[in-house]
Structure formats: C-alpha cells, structure tokens
Amino acid sequence: MSIADSRTENFPMREETFKIIGLAMEVHKVIGKGFLEIVYKDALEIEFLDNLIPYEREKPFIIDYKGRTLKRKYNADFVVYENLILEVKAQSGIYDEDIKQTIII
C-alpha cells in the first residue's frame, strides 16, 4: 500500500471522489488550459452525462443565519452524488479565497 493509499483508505466517498478527479483530469487533458470556468463546467457536465454520474449544476443553497434566511444564496457549481460539492476553478493554484468557499464537516 502506498503512502497516498494509507492516507485515503478511510476517506468518505473515496471512489466517487477519485472518479470526479479523473473526469476533471480528462477535461483538462482534452481542452487544456486558458479557458473561462464556464467552458470547463460545460465539458465536465458532458463527462458526468457520458459516465452516468448523478449531478446537479448551479445548485442554490439557502443560508440560515440565527434563524433567518439570508437574501443571498450559495450556488454550488455542481453537487455530485448528492453529497459532494464541486467548485470549478480555472486558475493555477488554490488560494485562500478559494478555500473560504469550502466547508468541511
């Protein structure tokens, strides 16, 4: 077992996550870099359809604050397998602003 396998063997939704990563890598391999996020989202949606991956695109989430609903919603780029939120980025590197979009539970 490799180091990577030992770190991820108990990772929630491991196989589904690896499948999504593989499809994202396929998109990048085929169309390369330099496009806007929307292009990658469109291509990834094709991969999800072709691979029978259940997803919802641009899914809005209501945000509750102290028992009140905020005016703004959080719109996830994709919700995949009903439980995984996928945010597509068309940039080199991950920055603090990107990490702030994620919630780890």
PDB file of N, CA and C in Angstrom:
ATOM      1  N   MET A   1       0.857  -1.182   0.000  1.00  0.00           N
ATOM      2  CA  MET A   1       0.000   0.000   0.000  1.00  0.00           C
ATOM      3  C   MET A   1       0.902   1.243   0.000  1.00  0.00           C
ATOM      4  N   SER A   2       0.623   2.165  -0.905  1.00  0.00           N
ATOM      5  CA  SER A   2       1.417   3.391  -0.977  1.00  0.00           C
ATOM      6  C   SER A   2       1.016   4.354   0.131  1.00  0.00           C
ATOM      7  N   ILE A   3       1.822   5.392   0.313  1.00  0.00           N
ATOM      8  CA  ILE A   3       1.507   6.417   1.315  1.00  0.00           C
ATOM      9  C   ILE A   3       0.174   7.067   0.997  1.00  0.00           C
ATOM     10  N   ALA A   4      -0.068   7.373  -0.276  1.00  0.00           N
ATOM     11  CA  ALA A   4      -1.337   8.002  -0.673  1.00  0.00           C
ATOM     12  C   ALA A   4      -2.516   7.095  -0.335  1.00  0.00           C
ATOM     13  N   ASP A   5      -2.384   5.792  -0.578  1.00  0.00           N
ATOM     14  CA  ASP A   5      -3.466   4.867  -0.260  1.00  0.00           C
ATOM     15  C   ASP A   5      -3.739   4.820   1.232  1.00  0.00           C
ATOM     16  N   SER A   6      -2.706   4.817   2.054  1.00  0.00           N
ATOM     17  CA  SER A   6      -2.908   4.745   3.503  1.00  0.00           C
ATOM     18  C   SER A   6      -3.568   6.003   4.042  1.00  0.00           C
ATOM     19  N   ARG A   7      -3.337   7.142   3.404  1.00  0.00           N
ATOM     20  CA  ARG A   7      -3.961   8.387   3.851  1.00  0.00           C
ATOM     21  C   ARG A   7      -5.413   8.499   3.411  1.00  0.00           C
ATOM     22  N   THR A   8      -5.789   7.810   2.346  1.00  0.00           N
ATOM     23  CA  THR A   8      -7.132   7.989   1.784  1.00  0.00           C
ATOM     24  C   THR A   8      -8.019   6.767   1.914  1.00  0.00           C
ATOM     25  N   GLU A   9      -7.532   5.692   2.510  1.00  0.00           N
ATOM     26  CA  GLU A   9      -8.337   4.468   2.528  1.00  0.00           C
ATOM     27  C   GLU A   9      -9.652   4.639   3.286  1.00  0.00           C
ATOM     28  N   ASN A  10      -9.706   5.513   4.292  1.00  0.00           N
ATOM     29  CA  ASN A  10     -10.940   5.743   5.041  1.00  0.00           C
ATOM     30  C   ASN A  10     -11.595   7.071   4.675  1.00  0.00           C
ATOM     31  N   PHE A  11     -11.194   7.641   3.573  1.00  0.00           N
ATOM     32  CA  PHE A  11     -11.723   8.911   3.106  1.00  0.00           C
ATOM     33  C   PHE A  11     -13.185   8.736   2.707  1.00  0.00           C
ATOM     34  N   PRO A  12     -14.101   9.586   3.201  1.00  0.00           N
ATOM     35  CA  PRO A  12     -15.516   9.442   2.817  1.00  0.00           C
ATOM     36  C   PRO A  12     -15.704   9.607   1.302  1.00  0.00           C
ATOM     37  N   MET A  13     -16.510   8.752   0.729  1.00  0.00           N
ATOM     38  CA  MET A  13     -16.820   8.782  -0.701  1.00  0.00           C
ATOM     39  C   MET A  13     -15.551   8.758  -1.564  1.00  0.00           C
ATOM     40  N   ARG A  14     -14.611   7.941  -1.156  1.00  0.00           N
ATOM     41  CA  ARG A  14     -13.298   7.849  -1.799  1.00  0.00           C
ATOM     42  C   ARG A  14     -13.408   7.526  -3.284  1.00  0.00           C
ATOM     43  N   GLU A  15     -14.120   6.473  -3.625  1.00  0.00           N
ATOM     44  CA  GLU A  15     -14.211   6.057  -5.029  1.00  0.00           C
ATOM     45  C   GLU A  15     -14.899   7.115  -5.882  1.00  0.00           C
ATOM     46  N   GLU A  16     -15.957   7.711  -5.348  1.00  0.00           N
ATOM     47  CA  GLU A  16     -16.664   8.754  -6.083  1.00  0.00           C
ATOM     48  C   GLU A  16     -15.773   9.974  -6.308  1.00  0.00           C
ATOM     49  N   THR A  17     -15.027  10.338  -5.272  1.00  0.00           N
ATOM     50  CA  THR A  17     -14.111  11.477  -5.370  1.00  0.00           C
ATOM     51  C   THR A  17     -13.035  11.224  -6.410  1.00  0.00           C
ATOM     52  N   PHE A  18     -12.457  10.029  -6.400  1.00  0.00           N
ATOM     53  CA  PHE A  18     -11.428   9.696  -7.383  1.00  0.00           C
ATOM     54  C   PHE A  18     -12.003   9.705  -8.799  1.00  0.00           C
ATOM     55  N   LYS A  19     -13.241   9.265  -8.957  1.00  0.00           N
ATOM     56  CA  LYS A  19     -13.886   9.276 -10.279  1.00  0.00           C
ATOM     57  C   LYS A  19     -14.038  10.718 -10.776  1.00  0.00           C
ATOM     58  N   ILE A  20     -14.492  11.604  -9.907  1.00  0.00           N
ATOM     59  CA  ILE A  20     -14.656  13.016 -10.277  1.00  0.00           C
ATOM     60  C   ILE A  20     -13.307  13.619 -10.664  1.00  0.00           C
ATOM     61  N   ILE A  21     -12.289  13.355  -9.880  1.00  0.00           N
ATOM     62  CA  ILE A  21     -10.950  13.883 -10.175  1.00  0.00           C
ATOM     63  C   ILE A  21     -10.483  13.366 -11.534  1.00  0.00           C
ATOM     64  N   GLY A  22     -10.710  12.093 -11.797  1.00  0.00           N
ATOM     65  CA  GLY A  22     -10.314  11.522 -13.078  1.00  0.00           C
ATOM     66  C   GLY A  22     -11.021  12.183 -14.252  1.00  0.00           C
ATOM     67  N   LEU A  23     -12.313  12.466 -14.082  1.00  0.00           N
ATOM     68  CA  LEU A  23     -13.059  13.134 -15.154  1.00  0.00           C
ATOM     69  C   LEU A  23     -12.580  14.572 -15.352  1.00  0.00           C
ATOM     70  N   ALA A  24     -12.266  15.255 -14.266  1.00  0.00           N
ATOM     71  CA  ALA A  24     -11.729  16.616 -14.372  1.00  0.00           C
ATOM     72  C   ALA A  24     -10.374  16.608 -15.081  1.00  0.00           C
ATOM     73  N   MET A  25      -9.569  15.604 -14.792  1.00  0.00           N
ATOM     74  CA  MET A  25      -8.267  15.491 -15.470  1.00  0.00           C
ATOM     75  C   MET A  25      -8.460  15.208 -16.956  1.00  0.00           C
ATOM     76  N   GLU A  26      -9.470  14.426 -17.300  1.00  0.00           N
ATOM     77  CA  GLU A  26      -9.780  14.158 -18.710  1.00  0.00           C
ATOM     78  C   GLU A  26     -10.159  15.449 -19.429  1.00  0.00           C
ATOM     79  N   VAL A  27     -10.992  16.252 -18.793  1.00  0.00           N
ATOM     80  CA  VAL A  27     -11.377  17.545 -19.378  1.00  0.00           C
ATOM     81  C   VAL A  27     -10.136  18.385 -19.631  1.00  0.00           C
ATOM     82  N   HIS A  28      -9.270  18.464 -18.647  1.00  0.00           N
ATOM     83  CA  HIS A  28      -8.057  19.277 -18.794  1.00  0.00           C
ATOM     84  C   HIS A  28      -7.165  18.721 -19.900  1.00  0.00           C
ATOM     85  N   LYS A  29      -7.061  17.403 -19.971  1.00  0.00           N
ATOM     86  CA  LYS A  29      -6.224  16.775 -20.997  1.00  0.00           C
ATOM     87  C   LYS A  29      -6.747  17.103 -22.397  1.00  0.00           C
ATOM     88  N   VAL A  30      -8.053  17.089 -22.562  1.00  0.00           N
ATOM     89  CA  VAL A  30      -8.639  17.294 -23.889  1.00  0.00           C
ATOM     90  C   VAL A  30      -8.631  18.762 -24.303  1.00  0.00           C
ATOM     91  N   ILE A  31      -9.057  19.673 -23.423  1.00  0.00           N
ATOM     92  CA  ILE A  31      -9.157  21.075 -23.852  1.00  0.00           C
ATOM     93  C   ILE A  31      -8.036  21.971 -23.332  1.00  0.00           C
ATOM     94  N   GLY A  32      -7.247  21.474 -22.395  1.00  0.00           N
ATOM     95  CA  GLY A  32      -6.090  22.233 -21.934  1.00  0.00           C
ATOM     96  C   GLY A  32      -6.445  23.422 -21.060  1.00  0.00           C
ATOM     97  N   LYS A  33      -5.498  24.340 -20.964  1.00  0.00           N
ATOM     98  CA  LYS A  33      -5.698  25.499 -20.089  1.00  0.00           C
ATOM     99  C   LYS A  33      -6.031  26.742 -20.901  1.00  0.00           C
ATOM    100  N   GLY A  34      -6.462  27.784 -20.185  1.00  0.00           N
ATOM    101  CA  GLY A  34      -6.665  29.070 -20.822  1.00  0.00           C
ATOM    102  C   GLY A  34      -8.108  29.480 -21.047  1.00  0.00           C
ATOM    103  N   PHE A  35      -9.049  28.608 -20.693  1.00  0.00           N
ATOM    104  CA  PHE A  35     -10.453  28.939 -20.897  1.00  0.00           C
ATOM    105  C   PHE A  35     -11.082  29.473 -19.608  1.00  0.00           C
ATOM    106  N   LEU A  36     -12.238  30.094 -19.742  1.00  0.00           N
ATOM    107  CA  LEU A  36     -13.006  30.528 -18.583  1.00  0.00           C
ATOM    108  C   LEU A  36     -13.610  29.305 -17.883  1.00  0.00           C
ATOM    109  N   GLU A  37     -13.972  29.488 -16.621  1.00  0.00           N
ATOM    110  CA  GLU A  37     -14.554  28.393 -15.842  1.00  0.00           C
ATOM    111  C   GLU A  37     -15.761  27.768 -16.519  1.00  0.00           C
ATOM    112  N   ILE A  38     -16.594  28.570 -17.157  1.00  0.00           N
ATOM    113  CA  ILE A  38     -17.821  28.070 -17.766  1.00  0.00           C
ATOM    114  C   ILE A  38     -17.535  26.998 -18.815  1.00  0.00           C
ATOM    115  N   VAL A  39     -16.438  27.123 -19.536  1.00  0.00           N
ATOM    116  CA  VAL A  39     -16.061  26.139 -20.546  1.00  0.00           C
ATOM    117  C   VAL A  39     -15.752  24.803 -19.875  1.00  0.00           C
ATOM    118  N   TYR A  40     -15.001  24.842 -18.784  1.00  0.00           N
ATOM    119  CA  TYR A  40     -14.666  23.619 -18.059  1.00  0.00           C
ATOM    120  C   TYR A  40     -15.918  22.995 -17.436  1.00  0.00           C
ATOM    121  N   LYS A  41     -16.832  23.826 -16.950  1.00  0.00           N
ATOM    122  CA  LYS A  41     -18.080  23.310 -16.392  1.00  0.00           C
ATOM    123  C   LYS A  41     -18.893  22.604 -17.468  1.00  0.00           C
ATOM    124  N   ASP A  42     -18.975  23.199 -18.648  1.00  0.00           N
ATOM    125  CA  ASP A  42     -19.719  22.584 -19.750  1.00  0.00           C
ATOM    126  C   ASP A  42     -19.107  21.235 -20.145  1.00  0.00           C
ATOM    127  N   ALA A  43     -17.788  21.192 -20.222  1.00  0.00           N
ATOM    128  CA  ALA A  43     -17.107  19.944 -20.587  1.00  0.00           C
ATOM    129  C   ALA A  43     -17.268  18.897 -19.484  1.00  0.00           C
ATOM    130  N   LEU A  44     -17.170  19.324 -18.240  1.00  0.00           N
ATOM    131  CA  LEU A  44     -17.328  18.392 -17.127  1.00  0.00           C
ATOM    132  C   LEU A  44     -18.752  17.841 -17.076  1.00  0.00           C
ATOM    133  N   GLU A  45     -19.716  18.671 -17.413  1.00  0.00           N
ATOM    134  CA  GLU A  45     -21.098  18.200 -17.459  1.00  0.00           C
ATOM    135  C   GLU A  45     -21.260  17.088 -18.496  1.00  0.00           C
ATOM    136  N   ILE A  46     -20.604  17.216 -19.627  1.00  0.00           N
ATOM    137  CA  ILE A  46     -20.627  16.161 -20.646  1.00  0.00           C
ATOM    138  C   ILE A  46     -20.028  14.873 -20.085  1.00  0.00           C
ATOM    139  N   GLU A  47     -18.915  15.000 -19.369  1.00  0.00           N
ATOM    140  CA  GLU A  47     -18.292  13.819 -18.762  1.00  0.00           C
ATOM    141  C   GLU A  47     -19.226  13.160 -17.753  1.00  0.00           C
ATOM    142  N   PHE A  48     -19.896  13.952 -16.939  1.00  0.00           N
ATOM    143  CA  PHE A  48     -20.845  13.397 -15.972  1.00  0.00           C
ATOM    144  C   PHE A  48     -21.963  12.647 -16.697  1.00  0.00           C
ATOM    145  N   LEU A  49     -22.494  13.244 -17.746  1.00  0.00           N
ATOM    146  CA  LEU A  49     -23.565  12.597 -18.519  1.00  0.00           C
ATOM    147  C   LEU A  49     -23.080  11.300 -19.163  1.00  0.00           C
ATOM    148  N   ASP A  50     -21.927  11.355 -19.803  1.00  0.00           N
ATOM    149  CA  ASP A  50     -21.394  10.182 -20.502  1.00  0.00           C
ATOM    150  C   ASP A  50     -21.043   9.046 -19.547  1.00  0.00           C
ATOM    151  N   ASN A  51     -20.711   9.384 -18.314  1.00  0.00           N
ATOM    152  CA  ASN A  51     -20.295   8.382 -17.328  1.00  0.00           C
ATOM    153  C   ASN A  51     -21.385   8.061 -16.309  1.00  0.00           C
ATOM    154  N   LEU A  52     -22.604   8.545 -16.590  1.00  0.00           N
ATOM    155  CA  LEU A  52     -23.763   8.277 -15.732  1.00  0.00           C
ATOM    156  C   LEU A  52     -23.524   8.674 -14.274  1.00  0.00           C
ATOM    157  N   ILE A  53     -22.865   9.810 -14.094  1.00  0.00           N
ATOM    158  CA  ILE A  53     -22.591  10.340 -12.760  1.00  0.00           C
ATOM    159  C   ILE A  53     -23.758  11.252 -12.377  1.00  0.00           C
ATOM    160  N   PRO A  54     -24.429  10.982 -11.265  1.00  0.00           N
ATOM    161  CA  PRO A  54     -25.535  11.861 -10.863  1.00  0.00           C
ATOM    162  C   PRO A  54     -25.004  13.211 -10.373  1.00  0.00           C
ATOM    163  N   TYR A  55     -25.623  14.288 -10.876  1.00  0.00           N
ATOM    164  CA  TYR A  55     -25.160  15.626 -10.506  1.00  0.00           C
ATOM    165  C   TYR A  55     -26.291  16.630 -10.644  1.00  0.00           C
ATOM    166  N   GLU A  56     -26.107  17.760  -9.988  1.00  0.00           N
ATOM    167  CA  GLU A  56     -26.944  18.940 -10.192  1.00  0.00           C
ATOM    168  C   GLU A  56     -25.979  20.090 -10.434  1.00  0.00           C
ATOM    169  N   ARG A  57     -26.310  20.923 -11.389  1.00  0.00           N
ATOM    170  CA  ARG A  57     -25.429  22.044 -11.726  1.00  0.00           C
ATOM    171  C   ARG A  57     -26.014  23.351 -11.207  1.00  0.00           C
ATOM    172  N   GLU A  58     -25.139  24.221 -10.699  1.00  0.00           N
ATOM    173  CA  GLU A  58     -25.534  25.539 -10.184  1.00  0.00           C
ATOM    174  C   GLU A  58     -26.651  25.410  -9.148  1.00  0.00           C
ATOM    175  N   LYS A  59     -26.462  24.501  -8.213  1.00  0.00           N
ATOM    176  CA  LYS A  59     -27.490  24.251  -7.206  1.00  0.00           C
ATOM    177  C   LYS A  59     -27.444  25.335  -6.128  1.00  0.00           C
ATOM    178  N   PRO A  60     -28.569  26.012  -5.897  1.00  0.00           N
ATOM    179  CA  PRO A  60     -28.608  27.049  -4.852  1.00  0.00           C
ATOM    180  C   PRO A  60     -28.850  26.426  -3.472  1.00  0.00           C
ATOM    181  N   PHE A  61     -28.178  26.975  -2.480  1.00  0.00           N
ATOM    182  CA  PHE A  61     -28.367  26.583  -1.098  1.00  0.00           C
ATOM    183  C   PHE A  61     -28.806  27.808  -0.298  1.00  0.00           C
ATOM    184  N   ILE A  62     -29.881  27.661   0.431  1.00  0.00           N
ATOM    185  CA  ILE A  62     -30.353  28.736   1.308  1.00  0.00           C
ATOM    186  C   ILE A  62     -29.440  28.787   2.522  1.00  0.00           C
ATOM    187  N   ILE A  63     -29.108  29.994   2.949  1.00  0.00           N
ATOM    188  CA  ILE A  63     -28.239  30.177   4.109  1.00  0.00           C
ATOM    189  C   ILE A  63     -29.059  30.722   5.262  1.00  0.00           C
ATOM    190  N   ASP A  64     -29.023  29.997   6.352  1.00  0.00           N
ATOM    191  CA  ASP A  64     -29.729  30.397   7.562  1.00  0.00           C
ATOM    192  C   ASP A  64     -28.753  31.115   8.486  1.00  0.00           C
ATOM    193  N   TYR A  65     -29.172  32.250   8.997  1.00  0.00           N
ATOM    194  CA  TYR A  65     -28.359  32.997   9.953  1.00  0.00           C
ATOM    195  C   TYR A  65     -29.229  33.328  11.153  1.00  0.00           C
ATOM    196  N   LYS A  66     -28.947  32.676  12.268  1.00  0.00           N
ATOM    197  CA  LYS A  66     -29.678  32.897  13.517  1.00  0.00           C
ATOM    198  C   LYS A  66     -31.189  32.783  13.314  1.00  0.00           C
ATOM    199  N   GLY A  67     -31.575  31.753  12.566  1.00  0.00           N
ATOM    200  CA  GLY A  67     -32.997  31.516  12.356  1.00  0.00           C
ATOM    201  C   GLY A  67     -33.627  32.335  11.245  1.00  0.00           C
ATOM    202  N   ARG A  68     -32.824  33.121  10.559  1.00  0.00           N
ATOM    203  CA  ARG A  68     -33.339  33.928   9.442  1.00  0.00           C
ATOM    204  C   ARG A  68     -32.640  33.519   8.154  1.00  0.00           C
ATOM    205  N   THR A  69     -33.407  33.578   7.085  1.00  0.00           N
ATOM    206  CA  THR A  69     -32.853  33.257   5.777  1.00  0.00           C
ATOM    207  C   THR A  69     -32.211  34.502   5.182  1.00  0.00           C
ATOM    208  N   LEU A  70     -30.946  34.371   4.795  1.00  0.00           N
ATOM    209  CA  LEU A  70     -30.252  35.493   4.162  1.00  0.00           C
ATOM    210  C   LEU A  70     -30.790  35.727   2.750  1.00  0.00           C
ATOM    211  N   LYS A  71     -30.659  36.960   2.271  1.00  0.00           N
ATOM    212  CA  LYS A  71     -31.135  37.303   0.933  1.00  0.00           C
ATOM    213  C   LYS A  71     -30.336  36.580  -0.145  1.00  0.00           C
ATOM    214  N   ARG A  72     -29.060  36.405   0.093  1.00  0.00           N
ATOM    215  CA  ARG A  72     -28.184  35.760  -0.888  1.00  0.00           C
ATOM    216  C   ARG A  72     -28.131  34.265  -0.625  1.00  0.00           C
ATOM    217  N   LYS A  73     -27.951  33.512  -1.704  1.00  0.00           N
ATOM    218  CA  LYS A  73     -27.807  32.068  -1.607  1.00  0.00           C
ATOM    219  C   LYS A  73     -26.397  31.691  -2.014  1.00  0.00           C
ATOM    220  N   TYR A  74     -25.974  30.524  -1.574  1.00  0.00           N
ATOM    221  CA  TYR A  74     -24.720  29.949  -2.043  1.00  0.00           C
ATOM    222  C   TYR A  74     -25.070  29.058  -3.217  1.00  0.00           C
ATOM    223  N   ASN A  75     -24.451  29.286  -4.364  1.00  0.00           N
ATOM    224  CA  ASN A  75     -24.686  28.474  -5.553  1.00  0.00           C
ATOM    225  C   ASN A  75     -23.462  27.602  -5.806  1.00  0.00           C
ATOM    226  N   ALA A  76     -23.633  26.306  -5.607  1.00  0.00           N
ATOM    227  CA  ALA A  76     -22.544  25.360  -5.858  1.00  0.00           C
ATOM    228  C   ALA A  76     -22.441  25.106  -7.356  1.00  0.00           C
ATOM    229  N   ASP A  77     -21.226  25.082  -7.883  1.00  0.00           N
ATOM    230  CA  ASP A  77     -21.049  24.779  -9.305  1.00  0.00           C
ATOM    231  C   ASP A  77     -21.714  23.441  -9.643  1.00  0.00           C
ATOM    232  N   PHE A  78     -21.403  22.424  -8.865  1.00  0.00           N
ATOM    233  CA  PHE A  78     -22.003  21.103  -9.029  1.00  0.00           C
ATOM    234  C   PHE A  78     -22.207  20.478  -7.656  1.00  0.00           C
ATOM    235  N   VAL A  79     -23.268  19.722  -7.526  1.00  0.00           N
ATOM    236  CA  VAL A  79     -23.413  18.775  -6.423  1.00  0.00           C
ATOM    237  C   VAL A  79     -23.427  17.414  -7.094  1.00  0.00           C
ATOM    238  N   VAL A  80     -22.455  16.585  -6.740  1.00  0.00           N
ATOM    239  CA  VAL A  80     -22.255  15.306  -7.403  1.00  0.00           C
ATOM    240  C   VAL A  80     -22.524  14.184  -6.401  1.00  0.00           C
ATOM    241  N   TYR A  81     -23.165  13.135  -6.865  1.00  0.00           N
ATOM    242  CA  TYR A  81     -23.534  12.006  -5.996  1.00  0.00           C
ATOM    243  C   TYR A  81     -24.336  12.479  -4.783  1.00  0.00           C
ATOM    244  N   GLU A  82     -25.085  13.522  -4.920  1.00  0.00           N
ATOM    245  CA  GLU A  82     -25.972  14.091  -3.907  1.00  0.00           C
ATOM    246  C   GLU A  82     -25.269  14.655  -2.674  1.00  0.00           C
ATOM    247  N   ASN A  83     -23.963  14.396  -2.505  1.00  0.00           N
ATOM    248  CA  ASN A  83     -23.274  14.799  -1.277  1.00  0.00           C
ATOM    249  C   ASN A  83     -21.980  15.569  -1.468  1.00  0.00           C
ATOM    250  N   LEU A  84     -21.450  15.576  -2.663  1.00  0.00           N
ATOM    251  CA  LEU A  84     -20.159  16.226  -2.897  1.00  0.00           C
ATOM    252  C   LEU A  84     -20.356  17.545  -3.634  1.00  0.00           C
ATOM    253  N   ILE A  85     -19.850  18.620  -3.052  1.00  0.00           N
ATOM    254  CA  ILE A  85     -19.892  19.918  -3.724  1.00  0.00           C
ATOM    255  C   ILE A  85     -18.592  20.087  -4.490  1.00  0.00           C
ATOM    256  N   LEU A  86     -18.730  20.394  -5.775  1.00  0.00           N
ATOM    257  CA  LEU A  86     -17.579  20.591  -6.649  1.00  0.00           C
ATOM    258  C   LEU A  86     -17.570  22.030  -7.120  1.00  0.00           C
ATOM    259  N   GLU A  87     -16.516  22.745  -6.794  1.00  0.00           N
ATOM    260  CA  GLU A  87     -16.312  24.110  -7.272  1.00  0.00           C
ATOM    261  C   GLU A  87     -15.225  24.073  -8.333  1.00  0.00           C
ATOM    262  N   VAL A  88     -15.535  24.547  -9.507  1.00  0.00           N
ATOM    263  CA  VAL A  88     -14.601  24.534 -10.628  1.00  0.00           C
ATOM    264  C   VAL A  88     -13.806  25.832 -10.614  1.00  0.00           C
ATOM    265  N   LYS A  89     -12.496  25.705 -10.766  1.00  0.00           N
ATOM    266  CA  LYS A  89     -11.608  26.871 -10.822  1.00  0.00           C
ATOM    267  C   LYS A  89     -10.758  26.785 -12.080  1.00  0.00           C
ATOM    268  N   ALA A  90     -10.642  27.890 -12.776  1.00  0.00           N
ATOM    269  CA  ALA A  90      -9.824  27.964 -13.981  1.00  0.00           C
ATOM    270  C   ALA A  90      -8.651  28.898 -13.710  1.00  0.00           C
ATOM    271  N   GLN A  91      -7.755  28.427 -12.884  1.00  0.00           N
ATOM    272  CA  GLN A  91      -6.591  29.233 -12.489  1.00  0.00           C
ATOM    273  C   GLN A  91      -5.489  28.286 -12.063  1.00  0.00           C
ATOM    274  N   SER A  92      -4.285  28.791 -11.982  1.00  0.00           N
ATOM    275  CA  SER A  92      -3.193  27.965 -11.476  1.00  0.00           C
ATOM    276  C   SER A  92      -3.082  28.215  -9.973  1.00  0.00           C
ATOM    277  N   GLY A  93      -3.158  27.164  -9.215  1.00  0.00           N
ATOM    278  CA  GLY A  93      -3.039  27.271  -7.765  1.00  0.00           C
ATOM    279  C   GLY A  93      -4.373  27.452  -7.071  1.00  0.00           C
ATOM    280  N   ILE A  94      -4.359  27.143  -5.796  1.00  0.00           N
ATOM    281  CA  ILE A  94      -5.522  27.330  -4.932  1.00  0.00           C
ATOM    282  C   ILE A  94      -5.146  28.383  -3.905  1.00  0.00           C
ATOM    283  N   TYR A  95      -6.015  29.361  -3.750  1.00  0.00           N
ATOM    284  CA  TYR A  95      -5.730  30.495  -2.883  1.00  0.00           C
ATOM    285  C   TYR A  95      -6.681  30.526  -1.692  1.00  0.00           C
ATOM    286  N   ASP A  96      -6.360  31.355  -0.707  1.00  0.00           N
ATOM    287  CA  ASP A  96      -7.185  31.460   0.494  1.00  0.00           C
ATOM    288  C   ASP A  96      -8.644  31.738   0.155  1.00  0.00           C
ATOM    289  N   GLU A  97      -8.882  32.579  -0.844  1.00  0.00           N
ATOM    290  CA  GLU A  97     -10.258  32.905  -1.235  1.00  0.00           C
ATOM    291  C   GLU A  97     -11.013  31.659  -1.704  1.00  0.00           C
ATOM    292  N   ASP A  98     -10.290  30.738  -2.361  1.00  0.00           N
ATOM    293  CA  ASP A  98     -10.900  29.502  -2.839  1.00  0.00           C
ATOM    294  C   ASP A  98     -11.257  28.589  -1.665  1.00  0.00           C
ATOM    295  N   ILE A  99     -10.364  28.498  -0.738  1.00  0.00           N
ATOM    296  CA  ILE A  99     -10.586  27.637   0.427  1.00  0.00           C
ATOM    297  C   ILE A  99     -11.760  28.150   1.257  1.00  0.00           C
ATOM    298  N   LYS A 100     -11.942  29.451   1.296  1.00  0.00           N
ATOM    299  CA  LYS A 100     -13.055  30.018   2.055  1.00  0.00           C
ATOM    300  C   LYS A 100     -14.400  29.613   1.482  1.00  0.00           C
ATOM    301  N   GLN A 101     -14.449  29.158   0.235  1.00  0.00           N
ATOM    302  CA  GLN A 101     -15.702  28.699  -0.378  1.00  0.00           C
ATOM    303  C   GLN A 101     -16.104  27.333   0.135  1.00  0.00           C
ATOM    304  N   THR A 102     -15.189  26.625   0.750  1.00  0.00           N
ATOM    305  CA  THR A 102     -15.478  25.256   1.158  1.00  0.00           C
ATOM    306  C   THR A 102     -15.830  25.186   2.632  1.00  0.00           C
ATOM    307  N   ILE A 103     -16.637  24.227   2.946  1.00  0.00           N
ATOM    308  CA  ILE A 103     -16.996  23.953   4.343  1.00  0.00           C
ATOM    309  C   ILE A 103     -16.682  22.487   4.573  1.00  0.00           C
ATOM    310  N   ILE A 104     -15.854  22.219   5.553  1.00  0.00           N
ATOM    311  CA  ILE A 104     -15.513  20.841   5.875  1.00  0.00           C
ATOM    312  C   ILE A 104     -16.309  20.437   7.106  1.00  0.00           C
ATOM    313  N   ILE A 105     -17.072  19.388   6.955  1.00  0.00           N
ATOM    314  CA  ILE A 105     -17.901  18.911   8.075  1.00  0.00           C
ATOM    315  C   ILE A 105     -17.359  17.589   8.573  1.00  0.00           C
TER     316      ILE A 105
END
